[in-house]
Each structure stands twice: as C-alpha cells, then as structure tokens.
C-alpha cells in the first residue's frame, strides 16, 4: 500500500490523524504527515482517512 499526501492541497483539517492516528500526524505547521513507524502495514483505516480528507489530499494505491 502506497500513501501520498499532496502537501499543496492539504489544509490541515486533521481528519486523517483523527481517523488513523497510528499512520498520520500533523507537522509543526499543522499539515498532514506520515509517521515514520507507519511504513509497511497500515490497515483499513488508511483508506477511511483518505476518504475523510475534505480536500482529497491523500491518495492510497495498492493492496
């Protein structure tokens, strides 16, 4: 599973971090970022976090 965050589109709503806190966080500026320890297994909440993003800044591809 590959996760991409469009940092130009992200508005810092934080829905991703609320939905999948083991995968997403917010950086010092409040924008979405992947947690380094989240590499690899991520589970079904990642796709839900992408759907929850109000500006569709998260793309999830692969299994």
PDB file of N, CA and C in Angstrom:
ATOM      1  N   UNK A   1       0.836  -1.172   0.000  1.00  0.00           N
ATOM      2  CA  UNK A   1       0.000   0.000   0.000  1.00  0.00           C
ATOM      3  C   UNK A   1       0.886   1.242   0.000  1.00  0.00           C
ATOM      4  N   UNK A   2       0.644   2.108  -0.960  1.00  0.00           N
ATOM      5  CA  UNK A   2       1.385   3.368  -1.040  1.00  0.00           C
ATOM      6  C   UNK A   2       0.458   4.515  -0.662  1.00  0.00           C
ATOM      7  N   UNK A   3       0.979   5.435   0.136  1.00  0.00           N
ATOM      8  CA  UNK A   3       0.207   6.586   0.574  1.00  0.00           C
ATOM      9  C   UNK A   3       0.953   7.840   0.144  1.00  0.00           C
ATOM     10  N   UNK A   4       0.243   8.726  -0.530  1.00  0.00           N
ATOM     11  CA  UNK A   4       0.828  10.005  -0.929  1.00  0.00           C
ATOM     12  C   UNK A   4      -0.031  11.130  -0.390  1.00  0.00           C
ATOM     13  N   UNK A   5       0.612  12.143   0.154  1.00  0.00           N
ATOM     14  CA  UNK A   5      -0.085  13.326   0.653  1.00  0.00           C
ATOM     15  C   UNK A   5       0.288  14.496  -0.247  1.00  0.00           C
ATOM     16  N   UNK A   6      -0.713  15.116  -0.822  1.00  0.00           N
ATOM     17  CA  UNK A   6      -0.497  16.303  -1.654  1.00  0.00           C
ATOM     18  C   UNK A   6      -0.409  17.503  -0.717  1.00  0.00           C
ATOM     19  N   UNK A   7       0.806  17.909  -0.416  1.00  0.00           N
ATOM     20  CA  UNK A   7       1.023  18.981   0.567  1.00  0.00           C
ATOM     21  C   UNK A   7       0.555  20.336   0.058  1.00  0.00           C
ATOM     22  N   UNK A   8       0.416  20.485  -1.251  1.00  0.00           N
ATOM     23  CA  UNK A   8      -0.114  21.734  -1.790  1.00  0.00           C
ATOM     24  C   UNK A   8      -1.628  21.822  -1.593  1.00  0.00           C
ATOM     25  N   UNK A   9      -2.264  20.674  -1.508  1.00  0.00           N
ATOM     26  CA  UNK A   9      -3.719  20.624  -1.361  1.00  0.00           C
ATOM     27  C   UNK A   9      -4.151  20.561   0.109  1.00  0.00           C
ATOM     28  N   UNK A  10      -3.329  19.971   0.967  1.00  0.00           N
ATOM     29  CA  UNK A  10      -3.663  19.784   2.385  1.00  0.00           C
ATOM     30  C   UNK A  10      -3.947  21.137   3.046  1.00  0.00           C
ATOM     31  N   UNK A  11      -5.046  21.188   3.821  1.00  0.00           N
ATOM     32  CA  UNK A  11      -5.398  22.412   4.543  1.00  0.00           C
ATOM     33  C   UNK A  11      -5.234  22.253   6.057  1.00  0.00           C
ATOM     34  N   UNK A  12      -4.777  21.078   6.487  1.00  0.00           N
ATOM     35  CA  UNK A  12      -4.535  20.856   7.909  1.00  0.00           C
ATOM     36  C   UNK A  12      -5.789  20.593   8.727  1.00  0.00           C
ATOM     37  N   UNK A  13      -6.813  20.027   8.114  1.00  0.00           N
ATOM     38  CA  UNK A  13      -8.058  19.743   8.834  1.00  0.00           C
ATOM     39  C   UNK A  13      -7.856  18.694   9.933  1.00  0.00           C
ATOM     40  N   UNK A  14      -6.896  17.795   9.747  1.00  0.00           N
ATOM     41  CA  UNK A  14      -6.563  16.805  10.766  1.00  0.00           C
ATOM     42  C   UNK A  14      -7.437  15.568  10.789  1.00  0.00           C
ATOM     43  N   UNK A  15      -8.332  15.414   9.817  1.00  0.00           N
ATOM     44  CA  UNK A  15      -9.210  14.242   9.797  1.00  0.00           C
ATOM     45  C   UNK A  15      -8.420  12.950   9.640  1.00  0.00           C
ATOM     46  N   UNK A  16      -7.322  13.000   8.902  1.00  0.00           N
ATOM     47  CA  UNK A  16      -6.502  11.793   8.717  1.00  0.00           C
ATOM     48  C   UNK A  16      -5.893  11.342  10.044  1.00  0.00           C
ATOM     49  N   UNK A  17      -5.358  12.286  10.813  1.00  0.00           N
ATOM     50  CA  UNK A  17      -4.739  11.952  12.094  1.00  0.00           C
ATOM     51  C   UNK A  17      -5.782  11.471  13.106  1.00  0.00           C
ATOM     52  N   UNK A  18      -6.988  11.989  13.027  1.00  0.00           N
ATOM     53  CA  UNK A  18      -8.054  11.535  13.917  1.00  0.00           C
ATOM     54  C   UNK A  18      -8.536  10.142  13.530  1.00  0.00           C
ATOM     55  N   UNK A  19      -8.579   9.854  12.229  1.00  0.00           N
ATOM     56  CA  UNK A  19      -9.093   8.572  11.739  1.00  0.00           C
ATOM     57  C   UNK A  19      -8.067   7.454  11.872  1.00  0.00           C
ATOM     58  N   UNK A  20      -6.815   7.738  11.533  1.00  0.00           N
ATOM     59  CA  UNK A  20      -5.753   6.717  11.580  1.00  0.00           C
ATOM     60  C   UNK A  20      -4.530   7.284  12.302  1.00  0.00           C
ATOM     61  N   UNK A  21      -4.626   7.453  13.627  1.00  0.00           N
ATOM     62  CA  UNK A  21      -3.533   8.084  14.375  1.00  0.00           C
ATOM     63  C   UNK A  21      -2.232   7.286  14.403  1.00  0.00           C
ATOM     64  N   UNK A  22      -2.287   6.012  14.060  1.00  0.00           N
ATOM     65  CA  UNK A  22      -1.076   5.210  14.002  1.00  0.00           C
ATOM     66  C   UNK A  22      -0.322   5.372  12.690  1.00  0.00           C
ATOM     67  N   UNK A  23      -0.910   6.122  11.754  1.00  0.00           N
ATOM     68  CA  UNK A  23      -0.321   6.296  10.430  1.00  0.00           C
ATOM     69  C   UNK A  23      -0.023   7.759  10.130  1.00  0.00           C
ATOM     70  N   UNK A  24      -0.971   8.635  10.499  1.00  0.00           N
ATOM     71  CA  UNK A  24      -0.842  10.058  10.174  1.00  0.00           C
ATOM     72  C   UNK A  24      -0.621  10.896  11.427  1.00  0.00           C
ATOM     73  N   UNK A  25       0.045  12.001  11.244  1.00  0.00           N
ATOM     74  CA  UNK A  25       0.196  13.012  12.279  1.00  0.00           C
ATOM     75  C   UNK A  25       0.107  14.363  11.591  1.00  0.00           C
ATOM     76  N   UNK A  26       0.269  15.413  12.350  1.00  0.00           N
ATOM     77  CA  UNK A  26       0.337  16.743  11.764  1.00  0.00           C
ATOM     78  C   UNK A  26       1.694  17.334  12.103  1.00  0.00           C
ATOM     79  N   UNK A  27       2.323  17.974  11.110  1.00  0.00           N
ATOM     80  CA  UNK A  27       3.643  18.552  11.322  1.00  0.00           C
ATOM     81  C   UNK A  27       3.531  19.852  12.121  1.00  0.00           C
ATOM     82  N   UNK A  28       4.634  20.526  12.320  1.00  0.00           N
ATOM     83  CA  UNK A  28       4.659  21.746  13.120  1.00  0.00           C
ATOM     84  C   UNK A  28       3.783  22.855  12.549  1.00  0.00           C
ATOM     85  N   UNK A  29       3.513  22.794  11.250  1.00  0.00           N
ATOM     86  CA  UNK A  29       2.659  23.789  10.604  1.00  0.00           C
ATOM     87  C   UNK A  29       1.193  23.350  10.556  1.00  0.00           C
ATOM     88  N   UNK A  30       0.896  22.146  11.076  1.00  0.00           N
ATOM     89  CA  UNK A  30      -0.468  21.653  11.116  1.00  0.00           C
ATOM     90  C   UNK A  30      -0.899  20.844   9.917  1.00  0.00           C
ATOM     91  N   UNK A  31       0.033  20.572   9.001  1.00  0.00           N
ATOM     92  CA  UNK A  31      -0.315  19.816   7.802  1.00  0.00           C
ATOM     93  C   UNK A  31      -0.047  18.330   8.002  1.00  0.00           C
ATOM     94  N   UNK A  32      -0.742  17.526   7.226  1.00  0.00           N
ATOM     95  CA  UNK A  32      -0.652  16.077   7.328  1.00  0.00           C
ATOM     96  C   UNK A  32       0.753  15.566   7.023  1.00  0.00           C
ATOM     97  N   UNK A  33       1.148  14.535   7.773  1.00  0.00           N
ATOM     98  CA  UNK A  33       2.432  13.871   7.555  1.00  0.00           C
ATOM     99  C   UNK A  33       2.280  12.410   7.957  1.00  0.00           C
ATOM    100  N   UNK A  34       3.063  11.556   7.325  1.00  0.00           N
ATOM    101  CA  UNK A  34       3.074  10.142   7.689  1.00  0.00           C
ATOM    102  C   UNK A  34       4.026   9.916   8.844  1.00  0.00           C
ATOM    103  N   UNK A  35       3.627   9.074   9.771  1.00  0.00           N
ATOM    104  CA  UNK A  35       4.526   8.691  10.846  1.00  0.00           C
ATOM    105  C   UNK A  35       5.568   7.723  10.283  1.00  0.00           C
ATOM    106  N   UNK A  36       6.836   7.901  10.617  1.00  0.00           N
ATOM    107  CA  UNK A  36       7.871   7.010  10.073  1.00  0.00           C
ATOM    108  C   UNK A  36       7.650   5.543  10.429  1.00  0.00           C
ATOM    109  N   UNK A  37       7.135   5.273  11.607  1.00  0.00           N
ATOM    110  CA  UNK A  37       6.925   3.888  12.023  1.00  0.00           C
ATOM    111  C   UNK A  37       5.732   3.244  11.335  1.00  0.00           C
ATOM    112  N   UNK A  38       4.989   4.030  10.554  1.00  0.00           N
ATOM    113  CA  UNK A  38       3.819   3.502   9.849  1.00  0.00           C
ATOM    114  C   UNK A  38       4.183   2.817   8.536  1.00  0.00           C
ATOM    115  N   UNK A  39       5.422   2.882   8.119  1.00  0.00           N
ATOM    116  CA  UNK A  39       5.833   2.257   6.853  1.00  0.00           C
ATOM    117  C   UNK A  39       5.528   0.764   6.900  1.00  0.00           C
ATOM    118  N   UNK A  40       4.914   0.270   5.841  1.00  0.00           N
ATOM    119  CA  UNK A  40       4.564  -1.144   5.786  1.00  0.00           C
ATOM    120  C   UNK A  40       3.095  -1.360   6.087  1.00  0.00           C
ATOM    121  N   UNK A  41       2.794  -2.146   7.123  1.00  0.00           N
ATOM    122  CA  UNK A  41       1.416  -2.466   7.456  1.00  0.00           C
ATOM    123  C   UNK A  41       0.639  -1.259   7.956  1.00  0.00           C
ATOM    124  N   UNK A  42      -0.502  -1.018   7.334  1.00  0.00           N
ATOM    125  CA  UNK A  42      -1.240   0.186   7.692  1.00  0.00           C
ATOM    126  C   UNK A  42      -2.713  -0.061   7.956  1.00  0.00           C
ATOM    127  N   UNK A  43      -3.290  -1.096   7.456  1.00  0.00           N
ATOM    128  CA  UNK A  43      -4.672  -1.437   7.761  1.00  0.00           C
ATOM    129  C   UNK A  43      -5.734  -0.619   7.045  1.00  0.00           C
ATOM    130  N   UNK A  44      -6.996  -1.001   7.273  1.00  0.00           N
ATOM    131  CA  UNK A  44      -8.126  -0.409   6.553  1.00  0.00           C
ATOM    132  C   UNK A  44      -8.418   1.045   6.928  1.00  0.00           C
ATOM    133  N   UNK A  45      -7.954   1.511   8.069  1.00  0.00           N
ATOM    134  CA  UNK A  45      -8.233   2.891   8.461  1.00  0.00           C
ATOM    135  C   UNK A  45      -7.552   3.911   7.552  1.00  0.00           C
ATOM    136  N   UNK A  46      -6.513   3.489   6.841  1.00  0.00           N
ATOM    137  CA  UNK A  46      -5.826   4.404   5.934  1.00  0.00           C
ATOM    138  C   UNK A  46      -6.768   4.843   4.809  1.00  0.00           C
ATOM    139  N   UNK A  47      -7.479   3.903   4.243  1.00  0.00           N
ATOM    140  CA  UNK A  47      -8.419   4.260   3.173  1.00  0.00           C
ATOM    141  C   UNK A  47      -9.552   5.133   3.720  1.00  0.00           C
ATOM    142  N   UNK A  48      -9.984   4.843   4.923  1.00  0.00           N
ATOM    143  CA  UNK A  48     -11.020   5.673   5.542  1.00  0.00           C
ATOM    144  C   UNK A  48     -10.493   7.094   5.793  1.00  0.00           C
ATOM    145  N   UNK A  49      -9.246   7.213   6.205  1.00  0.00           N
ATOM    146  CA  UNK A  49      -8.645   8.536   6.409  1.00  0.00           C
ATOM    147  C   UNK A  49      -8.581   9.310   5.100  1.00  0.00           C
ATOM    148  N   UNK A  50      -8.254   8.632   4.007  1.00  0.00           N
ATOM    149  CA  UNK A  50      -8.209   9.291   2.697  1.00  0.00           C
ATOM    150  C   UNK A  50      -9.608   9.781   2.311  1.00  0.00           C
ATOM    151  N   UNK A  51     -10.625   8.967   2.581  1.00  0.00           N
ATOM    152  CA  UNK A  51     -12.000   9.381   2.278  1.00  0.00           C
ATOM    153  C   UNK A  51     -12.448  10.544   3.166  1.00  0.00           C
ATOM    154  N   UNK A  52     -11.932  10.600   4.390  1.00  0.00           N
ATOM    155  CA  UNK A  52     -12.328  11.645   5.338  1.00  0.00           C
ATOM    156  C   UNK A  52     -11.694  13.000   5.036  1.00  0.00           C
ATOM    157  N   UNK A  53     -10.649  13.008   4.237  1.00  0.00           N
ATOM    158  CA  UNK A  53      -9.965  14.267   3.925  1.00  0.00           C
ATOM    159  C   UNK A  53     -10.909  15.187   3.138  1.00  0.00           C
ATOM    160  N   UNK A  54     -11.184  16.383   3.663  1.00  0.00           N
ATOM    161  CA  UNK A  54     -12.149  17.262   3.000  1.00  0.00           C
ATOM    162  C   UNK A  54     -11.682  17.837   1.659  1.00  0.00           C
ATOM    163  N   UNK A  55     -10.375  17.767   1.386  1.00  0.00           N
ATOM    164  CA  UNK A  55      -9.866  18.296   0.114  1.00  0.00           C
ATOM    165  C   UNK A  55      -9.212  17.222  -0.738  1.00  0.00           C
ATOM    166  N   UNK A  56      -9.406  15.950  -0.370  1.00  0.00           N
ATOM    167  CA  UNK A  56      -8.854  14.809  -1.111  1.00  0.00           C
ATOM    168  C   UNK A  56      -7.360  14.938  -1.343  1.00  0.00           C
ATOM    169  N   UNK A  57      -6.631  15.256  -0.281  1.00  0.00           N
ATOM    170  CA  UNK A  57      -5.178  15.423  -0.373  1.00  0.00           C
ATOM    171  C   UNK A  57      -4.411  14.115  -0.195  1.00  0.00           C
ATOM    172  N   UNK A  58      -5.108  13.031   0.120  1.00  0.00           N
ATOM    173  CA  UNK A  58      -4.448  11.746   0.372  1.00  0.00           C
ATOM    174  C   UNK A  58      -4.831  10.757  -0.716  1.00  0.00           C
ATOM    175  N   UNK A  59      -3.819  10.166  -1.343  1.00  0.00           N
ATOM    176  CA  UNK A  59      -4.033   9.120  -2.346  1.00  0.00           C
ATOM    177  C   UNK A  59      -3.480   7.809  -1.797  1.00  0.00           C
ATOM    178  N   UNK A  60      -4.282   6.759  -1.885  1.00  0.00           N
ATOM    179  CA  UNK A  60      -3.869   5.435  -1.430  1.00  0.00           C
ATOM    180  C   UNK A  60      -3.948   4.505  -2.623  1.00  0.00           C
ATOM    181  N   UNK A  61      -2.845   3.853  -2.945  1.00  0.00           N
ATOM    182  CA  UNK A  61      -2.810   2.909  -4.044  1.00  0.00           C
ATOM    183  C   UNK A  61      -2.241   1.583  -3.558  1.00  0.00           C
ATOM    184  N   UNK A  62      -2.538   0.538  -4.289  1.00  0.00           N
ATOM    185  CA  UNK A  62      -2.022  -0.781  -3.956  1.00  0.00           C
ATOM    186  C   UNK A  62      -2.947  -1.519  -3.004  1.00  0.00           C
ATOM    187  N   UNK A  63      -2.463  -2.645  -2.540  1.00  0.00           N
ATOM    188  CA  UNK A  63      -3.277  -3.546  -1.695  1.00  0.00           C
ATOM    189  C   UNK A  63      -3.659  -2.971  -0.375  1.00  0.00           C
TER     190      UNK A  63
END
